[in-house]
Amino acid sequence: MQTYLDFEKPIAELETRVAELRETAASSEDIDIDAEVAKLETKASKLLKDTYAKLSPWQKAQVARHPDRPRFKDYVAGIADDFLPLAGDRAFADDPAIIGGLARIDGRRVMMIGHEKGDDTASRLRHNFGMAKPEGYRKAIRLMRLADQFGIPVVSLVDTMGAFPGVEAEERGQAEAIARSTEECLSLGVPMVAAIVGEGGSGGAIAIAAANRVLMFENAIYSVISPEGCASILWRTADKAPEAAEAMKLTAQDQLALGVIDRIVPEPIGGAQRDPDAAIGALKGAIIEELDGLGKLGPDELRAQRRAKFLAIG
């Protein structure tokens, strides 16, 4: 069942009407409503296209958080030919908010690492809504070092509100873990491609996204804080989140203009949640292209390129 966002209500009404007419036609052979259905479908399709062509930053934030968007496990299934998960940070525990392992993409060996939010109540709780604790970032560090040791490119998929802010995470060195993970990204002697596929929240995102090439879905967001958090600080109320989103320049188009990301990956009309297979296919093609380009560079060139890229921001 399609989940509609608040600004999609007019689209929902049209598509619901189409579904009702189809159901009526299926229950009676004497009713011919094909012309009416076709007319409504055309109208709904145009409204969907027009709506998504002029989304505000706050609406894009809502799309980026859509519960039906593909998750890490979906990208692995659609992008990788095979996947061998590797668990644990070898120090404290395994954090299911970050998943990683060896994979093959179009016959090429890679290390895939990413946030997993979960897709129902039980899995969201199990994966802590994609908010990693220190052991998650230390697991990512371990896997990146393993990839570097064996000359395997790293592909990371970012989708998190941010790192877990709980007391226990701070007690176990959350800030240090995020800093070390970011440092590991920057020091890799192998190609690294990161993709912001949903929410790219604060240090929780950058910790696995300081890559040679940073891709971003067109309806994803990337920011140092959530719009609600920003509004709460500046205006003392989360009700100002739409205004905060506008000021924060968190959309893919803004991030490309600022030089924070390198490439926007187009989504199907209506967002990745409407056609996950098409979205995943587009991302796979972009990742392969970027890995092909980076494969021509040696370890020192990759480090220098990464350093120059991030020092040039701002």
C-alpha atoms as a PDB file:
ATOM      1  CA  MET A   1       0.000   0.000   0.000  1.00  0.00           C
ATOM      2  CA  GLN A   2       1.351   3.390  -1.059  1.00  0.00           C
ATOM      3  CA  THR A   3       2.237   5.738   1.795  1.00  0.00           C
ATOM      4  CA  TYR A   4       1.513   9.373   0.974  1.00  0.00           C
ATOM      5  CA  LEU A   5       3.178  12.429   2.469  1.00  0.00           C
ATOM      6  CA  ASP A   6       1.142  15.480   3.489  1.00  0.00           C
ATOM      7  CA  PHE A   7       1.933  17.442   0.348  1.00  0.00           C
ATOM      8  CA  GLU A   8       0.930  14.434  -1.785  1.00  0.00           C
ATOM      9  CA  LYS A   9      -2.734  14.477  -0.697  1.00  0.00           C
ATOM     10  CA  PRO A  10      -4.059  15.759  -4.066  1.00  0.00           C
ATOM     11  CA  ILE A  11      -2.122  12.947  -5.789  1.00  0.00           C
ATOM     12  CA  ALA A  12      -3.484  10.444  -3.280  1.00  0.00           C
ATOM     13  CA  GLU A  13      -7.050  11.498  -4.005  1.00  0.00           C
ATOM     14  CA  LEU A  14      -6.643  10.994  -7.737  1.00  0.00           C
ATOM     15  CA  GLU A  15      -4.845   7.653  -7.426  1.00  0.00           C
ATOM     16  CA  THR A  16      -7.392   6.417  -4.902  1.00  0.00           C
ATOM     17  CA  ARG A  17     -10.164   7.336  -7.315  1.00  0.00           C
ATOM     18  CA  VAL A  18      -8.424   5.402 -10.099  1.00  0.00           C
ATOM     19  CA  ALA A  19      -8.110   2.348  -7.859  1.00  0.00           C
ATOM     20  CA  GLU A  20     -11.795   2.547  -6.924  1.00  0.00           C
ATOM     21  CA  LEU A  21     -12.847   2.770 -10.562  1.00  0.00           C
ATOM     22  CA  ARG A  22     -10.697  -0.218 -11.475  1.00  0.00           C
ATOM     23  CA  GLU A  23     -12.237  -2.191  -8.627  1.00  0.00           C
ATOM     24  CA  THR A  24     -15.734  -1.240  -9.808  1.00  0.00           C
ATOM     25  CA  ALA A  25     -14.929  -2.263 -13.382  1.00  0.00           C
ATOM     26  CA  ALA A  26     -13.484  -5.587 -12.235  1.00  0.00           C
ATOM     27  CA  SER A  27     -16.662  -6.439 -10.330  1.00  0.00           C
ATOM     28  CA  SER A  28     -18.994  -5.714 -13.251  1.00  0.00           C
ATOM     29  CA  GLU A  29     -18.476  -6.689 -16.881  1.00  0.00           C
ATOM     30  CA  ASP A  30     -21.196  -4.265 -18.017  1.00  0.00           C
ATOM     31  CA  ILE A  31     -19.301  -1.134 -17.002  1.00  0.00           C
ATOM     32  CA  ASP A  32     -16.760   0.378 -19.395  1.00  0.00           C
ATOM     33  CA  ILE A  33     -14.790   3.095 -17.669  1.00  0.00           C
ATOM     34  CA  ASP A  34     -11.470   2.715 -19.458  1.00  0.00           C
ATOM     35  CA  ALA A  35     -11.652   6.232 -20.887  1.00  0.00           C
ATOM     36  CA  GLU A  36     -12.372   7.755 -17.482  1.00  0.00           C
ATOM     37  CA  VAL A  37      -9.576   5.758 -15.839  1.00  0.00           C
ATOM     38  CA  ALA A  38      -7.102   6.766 -18.535  1.00  0.00           C
ATOM     39  CA  LYS A  39      -8.066  10.412 -18.095  1.00  0.00           C
ATOM     40  CA  LEU A  40      -7.583  10.285 -14.327  1.00  0.00           C
ATOM     41  CA  GLU A  41      -4.288   8.394 -14.646  1.00  0.00           C
ATOM     42  CA  THR A  42      -2.956  11.049 -17.016  1.00  0.00           C
ATOM     43  CA  LYS A  43      -4.048  13.780 -14.624  1.00  0.00           C
ATOM     44  CA  ALA A  44      -2.479  12.008 -11.629  1.00  0.00           C
ATOM     45  CA  SER A  45       0.764  11.397 -13.509  1.00  0.00           C
ATOM     46  CA  LYS A  46       1.014  15.058 -14.527  1.00  0.00           C
ATOM     47  CA  LEU A  47       0.261  16.232 -10.998  1.00  0.00           C
ATOM     48  CA  LEU A  48       2.927  13.900  -9.596  1.00  0.00           C
ATOM     49  CA  LYS A  49       5.504  15.155 -12.082  1.00  0.00           C
ATOM     50  CA  ASP A  50       4.621  18.818 -11.494  1.00  0.00           C
ATOM     51  CA  THR A  51       4.667  18.396  -7.701  1.00  0.00           C
ATOM     52  CA  TYR A  52       8.093  16.736  -7.625  1.00  0.00           C
ATOM     53  CA  ALA A  53       9.541  19.266 -10.057  1.00  0.00           C
ATOM     54  CA  LYS A  54       9.121  22.060  -7.493  1.00  0.00           C
ATOM     55  CA  LEU A  55       9.640  20.466  -4.079  1.00  0.00           C
ATOM     56  CA  SER A  56      10.728  22.788  -1.293  1.00  0.00           C
ATOM     57  CA  PRO A  57      13.755  21.809   0.841  1.00  0.00           C
ATOM     58  CA  TRP A  58      11.402  20.786   3.665  1.00  0.00           C
ATOM     59  CA  GLN A  59       9.380  18.590   1.313  1.00  0.00           C
ATOM     60  CA  LYS A  60      12.616  16.992   0.109  1.00  0.00           C
ATOM     61  CA  ALA A  61      13.491  16.270   3.721  1.00  0.00           C
ATOM     62  CA  GLN A  62      10.166  14.475   4.058  1.00  0.00           C
ATOM     63  CA  VAL A  63      10.827  12.459   0.895  1.00  0.00           C
ATOM     64  CA  ALA A  64      14.327  11.573   2.111  1.00  0.00           C
ATOM     65  CA  ARG A  65      12.741  10.152   5.278  1.00  0.00           C
ATOM     66  CA  HIS A  66       9.932   8.318   3.483  1.00  0.00           C
ATOM     67  CA  PRO A  67       9.339   4.938   5.183  1.00  0.00           C
ATOM     68  CA  ASP A  68       9.095   3.168   1.825  1.00  0.00           C
ATOM     69  CA  ARG A  69      12.464   4.289   0.433  1.00  0.00           C
ATOM     70  CA  PRO A  70      14.924   1.447  -0.209  1.00  0.00           C
ATOM     71  CA  ARG A  71      17.151   0.486   2.714  1.00  0.00           C
ATOM     72  CA  PHE A  72      20.731  -0.807   2.771  1.00  0.00           C
ATOM     73  CA  LYS A  73      19.633  -4.428   2.442  1.00  0.00           C
ATOM     74  CA  ASP A  74      17.619  -3.490  -0.665  1.00  0.00           C
ATOM     75  CA  TYR A  75      20.601  -1.771  -2.256  1.00  0.00           C
ATOM     76  CA  VAL A  76      22.818  -4.756  -1.503  1.00  0.00           C
ATOM     77  CA  ALA A  77      20.278  -7.098  -3.095  1.00  0.00           C
ATOM     78  CA  GLY A  78      19.950  -4.907  -6.187  1.00  0.00           C
ATOM     79  CA  ILE A  79      23.537  -3.750  -6.639  1.00  0.00           C
ATOM     80  CA  ALA A  80      25.745  -6.611  -5.426  1.00  0.00           C
ATOM     81  CA  ASP A  81      26.112  -9.959  -7.164  1.00  0.00           C
ATOM     82  CA  ASP A  82      26.883 -11.480  -3.754  1.00  0.00           C
ATOM     83  CA  PHE A  83      27.421 -10.164  -0.247  1.00  0.00           C
ATOM     84  CA  LEU A  84      29.317 -11.611   2.710  1.00  0.00           C
ATOM     85  CA  PRO A  85      28.481  -9.636   5.893  1.00  0.00           C
ATOM     86  CA  LEU A  86      31.293  -9.075   8.397  1.00  0.00           C
ATOM     87  CA  ALA A  87      30.228  -8.303  11.950  1.00  0.00           C
ATOM     88  CA  GLY A  88      31.696  -6.753  15.075  1.00  0.00           C
ATOM     89  CA  ASP A  89      34.267  -4.122  15.981  1.00  0.00           C
ATOM     90  CA  ARG A  90      36.547  -6.668  17.740  1.00  0.00           C
ATOM     91  CA  ALA A  91      36.415  -4.511  20.861  1.00  0.00           C
ATOM     92  CA  PHE A  92      32.910  -4.226  22.289  1.00  0.00           C
ATOM     93  CA  ALA A  93      30.004  -5.443  20.143  1.00  0.00           C
ATOM     94  CA  ASP A  94      28.355  -5.593  16.748  1.00  0.00           C
ATOM     95  CA  ASP A  95      26.204  -2.576  15.901  1.00  0.00           C
ATOM     96  CA  PRO A  96      23.340  -3.452  13.502  1.00  0.00           C
ATOM     97  CA  ALA A  97      22.835   0.243  12.669  1.00  0.00           C
ATOM     98  CA  ILE A  98      25.840  -0.095  10.340  1.00  0.00           C
ATOM     99  CA  ILE A  99      26.176  -3.150   8.129  1.00  0.00           C
ATOM    100  CA  GLY A 100      29.210  -4.002   6.049  1.00  0.00           C
ATOM    101  CA  GLY A 101      30.831  -6.808   4.168  1.00  0.00           C
ATOM    102  CA  LEU A 102      32.545  -8.063   1.032  1.00  0.00           C
ATOM    103  CA  ALA A 103      30.575  -7.907  -2.203  1.00  0.00           C
ATOM    104  CA  ARG A 104      30.883  -8.000  -5.960  1.00  0.00           C
ATOM    105  CA  ILE A 105      29.434  -5.292  -8.171  1.00  0.00           C
ATOM    106  CA  ASP A 106      29.411  -6.189 -11.841  1.00  0.00           C
ATOM    107  CA  GLY A 107      32.200  -8.688 -11.142  1.00  0.00           C
ATOM    108  CA  ARG A 108      34.309  -6.163  -9.218  1.00  0.00           C
ATOM    109  CA  ARG A 109      35.233  -6.887  -5.594  1.00  0.00           C
ATOM    110  CA  VAL A 110      34.235  -4.120  -3.169  1.00  0.00           C
ATOM    111  CA  MET A 111      33.698  -3.547   0.524  1.00  0.00           C
ATOM    112  CA  MET A 112      30.134  -2.281   1.023  1.00  0.00           C
ATOM    113  CA  ILE A 113      29.313  -0.371   4.209  1.00  0.00           C
ATOM    114  CA  GLY A 114      26.123   1.464   5.067  1.00  0.00           C
ATOM    115  CA  HIS A 115      23.473   2.528   7.539  1.00  0.00           C
ATOM    116  CA  GLU A 116      20.464   0.254   7.900  1.00  0.00           C
ATOM    117  CA  LYS A 117      17.288   1.898   9.231  1.00  0.00           C
ATOM    118  CA  GLY A 118      14.967  -1.098   8.977  1.00  0.00           C
ATOM    119  CA  ASP A 119      11.610  -1.224   7.213  1.00  0.00           C
ATOM    120  CA  ASP A 120       9.114  -2.164   9.944  1.00  0.00           C
ATOM    121  CA  THR A 121       8.784  -1.518  13.672  1.00  0.00           C
ATOM    122  CA  ALA A 122      10.721  -4.592  14.758  1.00  0.00           C
ATOM    123  CA  SER A 123      13.621  -4.098  12.339  1.00  0.00           C
ATOM    124  CA  ARG A 124      13.793  -0.361  13.016  1.00  0.00           C
ATOM    125  CA  LEU A 125      14.201  -1.032  16.708  1.00  0.00           C
ATOM    126  CA  ARG A 126      16.775  -3.747  16.008  1.00  0.00           C
ATOM    127  CA  HIS A 127      18.812  -1.410  13.788  1.00  0.00           C
ATOM    128  CA  ASN A 128      18.236   1.584  16.090  1.00  0.00           C
ATOM    129  CA  PHE A 129      16.745   3.540  13.167  1.00  0.00           C
ATOM    130  CA  GLY A 130      20.166   3.671  11.511  1.00  0.00           C
ATOM    131  CA  MET A 131      21.707   5.694  14.339  1.00  0.00           C
ATOM    132  CA  ALA A 132      25.081   4.089  14.982  1.00  0.00           C
ATOM    133  CA  LYS A 133      26.948   3.846  18.262  1.00  0.00           C
ATOM    134  CA  PRO A 134      30.760   3.923  18.583  1.00  0.00           C
ATOM    135  CA  GLU A 135      31.027   0.194  17.881  1.00  0.00           C
ATOM    136  CA  GLY A 136      29.298   0.785  14.535  1.00  0.00           C
ATOM    137  CA  TYR A 137      31.912   3.277  13.415  1.00  0.00           C
ATOM    138  CA  ARG A 138      34.701   1.092  14.780  1.00  0.00           C
ATOM    139  CA  LYS A 139      33.313  -1.773  12.731  1.00  0.00           C
ATOM    140  CA  ALA A 140      33.387   0.502   9.677  1.00  0.00           C
ATOM    141  CA  ILE A 141      37.017   1.378  10.458  1.00  0.00           C
ATOM    142  CA  ARG A 142      37.901  -2.317  10.720  1.00  0.00           C
ATOM    143  CA  LEU A 143      36.280  -3.086   7.365  1.00  0.00           C
ATOM    144  CA  MET A 144      37.913  -0.116   5.633  1.00  0.00           C
ATOM    145  CA  ARG A 145      41.322  -1.194   6.905  1.00  0.00           C
ATOM    146  CA  LEU A 146      40.662  -4.708   5.679  1.00  0.00           C
ATOM    147  CA  ALA A 147      39.715  -3.346   2.255  1.00  0.00           C
ATOM    148  CA  ASP A 148      42.867  -1.197   2.178  1.00  0.00           C
ATOM    149  CA  GLN A 149      45.024  -4.161   3.114  1.00  0.00           C
ATOM    150  CA  PHE A 150      43.738  -6.244   0.205  1.00  0.00           C
ATOM    151  CA  GLY A 151      43.360  -3.457  -2.355  1.00  0.00           C
ATOM    152  CA  ILE A 152      39.555  -3.549  -2.445  1.00  0.00           C
ATOM    153  CA  PRO A 153      37.552  -0.381  -3.250  1.00  0.00           C
ATOM    154  CA  VAL A 154      35.088   0.857  -0.620  1.00  0.00           C
ATOM    155  CA  VAL A 155      31.462   1.756  -1.371  1.00  0.00           C
ATOM    156  CA  SER A 156      29.435   3.382   1.413  1.00  0.00           C
ATOM    157  CA  LEU A 157      25.712   4.153   1.511  1.00  0.00           C
ATOM    158  CA  VAL A 158      24.599   6.871   3.913  1.00  0.00           C
ATOM    159  CA  ASP A 159      21.100   7.028   5.401  1.00  0.00           C
ATOM    160  CA  THR A 160      20.981   8.215   9.000  1.00  0.00           C
ATOM    161  CA  MET A 161      19.434  10.975  11.087  1.00  0.00           C
ATOM    162  CA  GLY A 162      22.797  11.105  12.836  1.00  0.00           C
ATOM    163  CA  ALA A 163      24.934   9.142  15.255  1.00  0.00           C
ATOM    164  CA  PHE A 164      23.147   7.806  18.340  1.00  0.00           C
ATOM    165  CA  PRO A 165      23.123  10.594  20.991  1.00  0.00           C
ATOM    166  CA  GLY A 166      22.621   8.392  24.064  1.00  0.00           C
ATOM    167  CA  VAL A 167      24.707   8.539  27.235  1.00  0.00           C
ATOM    168  CA  GLU A 168      26.149   5.060  26.688  1.00  0.00           C
ATOM    169  CA  ALA A 169      27.435   6.091  23.251  1.00  0.00           C
ATOM    170  CA  GLU A 170      29.167   9.110  24.714  1.00  0.00           C
ATOM    171  CA  GLU A 171      30.649   6.963  27.485  1.00  0.00           C
ATOM    172  CA  ARG A 172      32.168   4.655  24.872  1.00  0.00           C
ATOM    173  CA  GLY A 173      33.712   7.521  22.880  1.00  0.00           C
ATOM    174  CA  GLN A 174      31.210   8.470  20.179  1.00  0.00           C
ATOM    175  CA  ALA A 175      33.073  11.597  19.049  1.00  0.00           C
ATOM    176  CA  GLU A 176      36.412   9.777  18.916  1.00  0.00           C
ATOM    177  CA  ALA A 177      34.918   6.910  16.914  1.00  0.00           C
ATOM    178  CA  ILE A 178      33.374   9.295  14.375  1.00  0.00           C
ATOM    179  CA  ALA A 179      36.646  11.219  14.052  1.00  0.00           C
ATOM    180  CA  ARG A 180      38.659   8.030  13.590  1.00  0.00           C
ATOM    181  CA  SER A 181      36.238   6.738  10.977  1.00  0.00           C
ATOM    182  CA  THR A 182      36.430  10.016   9.048  1.00  0.00           C
ATOM    183  CA  GLU A 183      40.226   9.879   9.280  1.00  0.00           C
ATOM    184  CA  GLU A 184      40.218   6.313   7.964  1.00  0.00           C
ATOM    185  CA  CYS A 185      38.148   7.355   4.942  1.00  0.00           C
ATOM    186  CA  LEU A 186      40.619  10.122   4.150  1.00  0.00           C
ATOM    187  CA  SER A 187      43.688   7.903   4.507  1.00  0.00           C
ATOM    188  CA  LEU A 188      42.563   4.988   2.331  1.00  0.00           C
ATOM    189  CA  GLY A 189      44.872   3.991  -0.501  1.00  0.00           C
ATOM    190  CA  VAL A 190      41.975   2.423  -2.416  1.00  0.00           C
ATOM    191  CA  PRO A 191      39.105   4.130  -4.268  1.00  0.00           C
ATOM    192  CA  MET A 192      36.124   5.127  -2.128  1.00  0.00           C
ATOM    193  CA  VAL A 193      32.684   6.081  -3.420  1.00  0.00           C
ATOM    194  CA  ALA A 194      29.975   7.266  -1.024  1.00  0.00           C
ATOM    195  CA  ALA A 195      26.306   7.813  -1.790  1.00  0.00           C
ATOM    196  CA  ILE A 196      23.780   9.779   0.263  1.00  0.00           C
ATOM    197  CA  VAL A 197      20.641   7.723  -0.413  1.00  0.00           C
ATOM    198  CA  GLY A 198      18.259   9.211   2.168  1.00  0.00           C
ATOM    199  CA  GLU A 199      19.201  11.307   5.168  1.00  0.00           C
ATOM    200  CA  GLY A 200      22.789  12.399   5.575  1.00  0.00           C
ATOM    201  CA  GLY A 201      22.816  13.615   9.141  1.00  0.00           C
ATOM    202  CA  SER A 202      25.824  15.305  10.754  1.00  0.00           C
ATOM    203  CA  GLY A 203      28.946  13.409  11.848  1.00  0.00           C
ATOM    204  CA  GLY A 204      26.982  10.179  11.706  1.00  0.00           C
ATOM    205  CA  ALA A 205      26.979  10.589   7.928  1.00  0.00           C
ATOM    206  CA  ILE A 206      30.394  12.119   7.224  1.00  0.00           C
ATOM    207  CA  ALA A 207      32.084   9.337   9.228  1.00  0.00           C
ATOM    208  CA  ILE A 208      31.583   6.978   6.278  1.00  0.00           C
ATOM    209  CA  ALA A 209      31.251   9.566   3.514  1.00  0.00           C
ATOM    210  CA  ALA A 210      34.648  11.312   3.289  1.00  0.00           C
ATOM    211  CA  ALA A 211      35.172   9.666  -0.094  1.00  0.00           C
ATOM    212  CA  ASN A 212      36.881  10.398  -3.404  1.00  0.00           C
ATOM    213  CA  ARG A 213      33.483  10.733  -5.027  1.00  0.00           C
ATOM    214  CA  VAL A 214      30.306  11.592  -3.132  1.00  0.00           C
ATOM    215  CA  LEU A 215      27.021  10.870  -4.906  1.00  0.00           C
ATOM    216  CA  MET A 216      23.577  11.949  -3.749  1.00  0.00           C
ATOM    217  CA  PHE A 217      20.063  11.015  -4.769  1.00  0.00           C
ATOM    218  CA  GLU A 218      18.151  14.051  -6.024  1.00  0.00           C
ATOM    219  CA  ASN A 219      15.620  13.895  -3.178  1.00  0.00           C
ATOM    220  CA  ALA A 220      18.115  13.080  -0.410  1.00  0.00           C
ATOM    221  CA  ILE A 221      19.332  15.602   2.170  1.00  0.00           C
ATOM    222  CA  TYR A 222      22.782  16.231   3.690  1.00  0.00           C
ATOM    223  CA  SER A 223      23.281  18.567   6.640  1.00  0.00           C
ATOM    224  CA  VAL A 224      25.083  19.165   9.938  1.00  0.00           C
ATOM    225  CA  ILE A 225      21.818  18.956  11.899  1.00  0.00           C
ATOM    226  CA  SER A 226      18.181  18.127  11.211  1.00  0.00           C
ATOM    227  CA  PRO A 227      15.842  20.999  10.250  1.00  0.00           C
ATOM    228  CA  GLU A 228      13.928  20.413  13.484  1.00  0.00           C
ATOM    229  CA  GLY A 229      17.134  20.558  15.534  1.00  0.00           C
ATOM    230  CA  CYS A 230      18.246  23.734  13.798  1.00  0.00           C
ATOM    231  CA  ALA A 231      14.839  25.353  14.346  1.00  0.00           C
ATOM    232  CA  SER A 232      14.849  24.370  18.013  1.00  0.00           C
ATOM    233  CA  ILE A 233      18.206  26.076  18.505  1.00  0.00           C
ATOM    234  CA  LEU A 234      17.536  29.229  16.489  1.00  0.00           C
ATOM    235  CA  TRP A 235      13.833  29.803  17.139  1.00  0.00           C
ATOM    236  CA  ARG A 236      13.246  27.636  20.211  1.00  0.00           C
ATOM    237  CA  THR A 237      10.556  25.702  18.331  1.00  0.00           C
ATOM    238  CA  ALA A 238      10.589  22.811  15.861  1.00  0.00           C
ATOM    239  CA  ASP A 239       7.619  24.411  14.086  1.00  0.00           C
ATOM    240  CA  LYS A 240      10.115  26.523  12.166  1.00  0.00           C
ATOM    241  CA  ALA A 241      11.667  23.437  10.544  1.00  0.00           C
ATOM    242  CA  PRO A 242      10.517  24.398   7.010  1.00  0.00           C
ATOM    243  CA  GLU A 243      12.267  27.772   7.323  1.00  0.00           C
ATOM    244  CA  ALA A 244      15.363  26.076   8.729  1.00  0.00           C
ATOM    245  CA  ALA A 245      15.441  23.590   5.842  1.00  0.00           C
ATOM    246  CA  GLU A 246      15.329  26.470   3.379  1.00  0.00           C
ATOM    247  CA  ALA A 247      18.246  28.252   5.069  1.00  0.00           C
ATOM    248  CA  MET A 248      20.407  25.171   5.601  1.00  0.00           C
ATOM    249  CA  LYS A 249      21.026  24.405   1.900  1.00  0.00           C
ATOM    250  CA  LEU A 250      20.570  20.686   2.536  1.00  0.00           C
ATOM    251  CA  THR A 251      19.263  19.539  -0.864  1.00  0.00           C
ATOM    252  CA  ALA A 252      21.323  17.693  -3.441  1.00  0.00           C
ATOM    253  CA  GLN A 253      21.201  20.690  -5.761  1.00  0.00           C
ATOM    254  CA  ASP A 254      22.528  22.999  -3.018  1.00  0.00           C
ATOM    255  CA  GLN A 255      25.225  20.524  -2.007  1.00  0.00           C
ATOM    256  CA  LEU A 256      26.427  20.173  -5.594  1.00  0.00           C
ATOM    257  CA  ALA A 257      26.632  23.945  -5.983  1.00  0.00           C
ATOM    258  CA  LEU A 258      28.621  24.183  -2.735  1.00  0.00           C
ATOM    259  CA  GLY A 259      31.044  21.479  -3.865  1.00  0.00           C
ATOM    260  CA  VAL A 260      30.149  19.142  -0.988  1.00  0.00           C
ATOM    261  CA  ILE A 261      29.021  16.382  -3.359  1.00  0.00           C
ATOM    262  CA  ASP A 262      30.222  15.485  -6.844  1.00  0.00           C
ATOM    263  CA  ARG A 263      27.177  14.070  -8.599  1.00  0.00           C
ATOM    264  CA  ILE A 264      23.389  13.935  -8.338  1.00  0.00           C
ATOM    265  CA  VAL A 265      21.769  10.587  -9.099  1.00  0.00           C
ATOM    266  CA  PRO A 266      18.272  11.031 -10.593  1.00  0.00           C
ATOM    267  CA  GLU A 267      15.308   9.322  -8.947  1.00  0.00           C
ATOM    268  CA  PRO A 268      12.123   8.019 -10.583  1.00  0.00           C
ATOM    269  CA  ILE A 269       9.304  10.581 -10.730  1.00  0.00           C
ATOM    270  CA  GLY A 270       7.732  10.578  -7.291  1.00  0.00           C
ATOM    271  CA  GLY A 271      10.908   9.510  -5.512  1.00  0.00           C
ATOM    272  CA  ALA A 272      12.870   6.299  -5.010  1.00  0.00           C
ATOM    273  CA  GLN A 273      10.018   4.890  -2.937  1.00  0.00           C
ATOM    274  CA  ARG A 274       7.735   4.761  -5.992  1.00  0.00           C
ATOM    275  CA  ASP A 275      10.090   2.637  -8.076  1.00  0.00           C
ATOM    276  CA  PRO A 276      12.861   1.186  -5.888  1.00  0.00           C
ATOM    277  CA  ASP A 277      14.235  -1.038  -8.659  1.00  0.00           C
ATOM    278  CA  ALA A 278      14.743   1.916 -11.002  1.00  0.00           C
ATOM    279  CA  ALA A 279      16.375   3.971  -8.249  1.00  0.00           C
ATOM    280  CA  ILE A 280      18.700   1.146  -7.259  1.00  0.00           C
ATOM    281  CA  GLY A 281      19.593   0.543 -10.908  1.00  0.00           C
ATOM    282  CA  ALA A 282      20.457   4.223 -11.403  1.00  0.00           C
ATOM    283  CA  LEU A 283      22.674   4.203  -8.316  1.00  0.00           C
ATOM    284  CA  LYS A 284      24.419   1.005  -9.411  1.00  0.00           C
ATOM    285  CA  GLY A 285      25.243   2.511 -12.794  1.00  0.00           C
ATOM    286  CA  ALA A 286      26.630   5.667 -11.177  1.00  0.00           C
ATOM    287  CA  ILE A 287      28.775   3.695  -8.706  1.00  0.00           C
ATOM    288  CA  ILE A 288      30.247   1.544 -11.474  1.00  0.00           C
ATOM    289  CA  GLU A 289      31.107   4.635 -13.532  1.00  0.00           C
ATOM    290  CA  GLU A 290      32.829   6.285 -10.583  1.00  0.00           C
ATOM    291  CA  LEU A 291      34.788   3.158  -9.659  1.00  0.00           C
ATOM    292  CA  ASP A 292      35.930   2.808 -13.272  1.00  0.00           C
ATOM    293  CA  GLY A 293      37.277   6.361 -13.204  1.00  0.00           C
ATOM    294  CA  LEU A 294      38.971   6.035  -9.823  1.00  0.00           C
ATOM    295  CA  GLY A 295      40.514   2.690 -10.762  1.00  0.00           C
ATOM    296  CA  LYS A 296      43.028   4.528 -12.909  1.00  0.00           C
ATOM    297  CA  LEU A 297      44.549   6.304  -9.874  1.00  0.00           C
ATOM    298  CA  GLY A 298      47.259   4.955  -7.573  1.00  0.00           C
ATOM    299  CA  PRO A 299      47.176   5.095  -3.732  1.00  0.00           C
ATOM    300  CA  ASP A 300      49.036   8.407  -3.440  1.00  0.00           C
ATOM    301  CA  GLU A 301      46.887   9.987  -6.152  1.00  0.00           C
ATOM    302  CA  LEU A 302      43.700   8.822  -4.431  1.00  0.00           C
ATOM    303  CA  ARG A 303      44.773  10.296  -1.096  1.00  0.00           C
ATOM    304  CA  ALA A 304      45.855  13.561  -2.727  1.00  0.00           C
ATOM    305  CA  GLN A 305      42.586  13.820  -4.669  1.00  0.00           C
ATOM    306  CA  ARG A 306      40.549  13.221  -1.525  1.00  0.00           C
ATOM    307  CA  ARG A 307      42.591  15.761   0.438  1.00  0.00           C
ATOM    308  CA  ALA A 308      42.266  18.415  -2.247  1.00  0.00           C
ATOM    309  CA  LYS A 309      38.535  17.802  -2.572  1.00  0.00           C
ATOM    310  CA  PHE A 310      37.737  18.348   1.092  1.00  0.00           C
ATOM    311  CA  LEU A 311      40.158  21.220   1.640  1.00  0.00           C
ATOM    312  CA  ALA A 312      38.485  23.058  -1.268  1.00  0.00           C
ATOM    313  CA  ILE A 313      35.033  22.947   0.362  1.00  0.00           C
ATOM    314  CA  GLY A 314      34.015  26.320   1.717  1.00  0.00           C
END
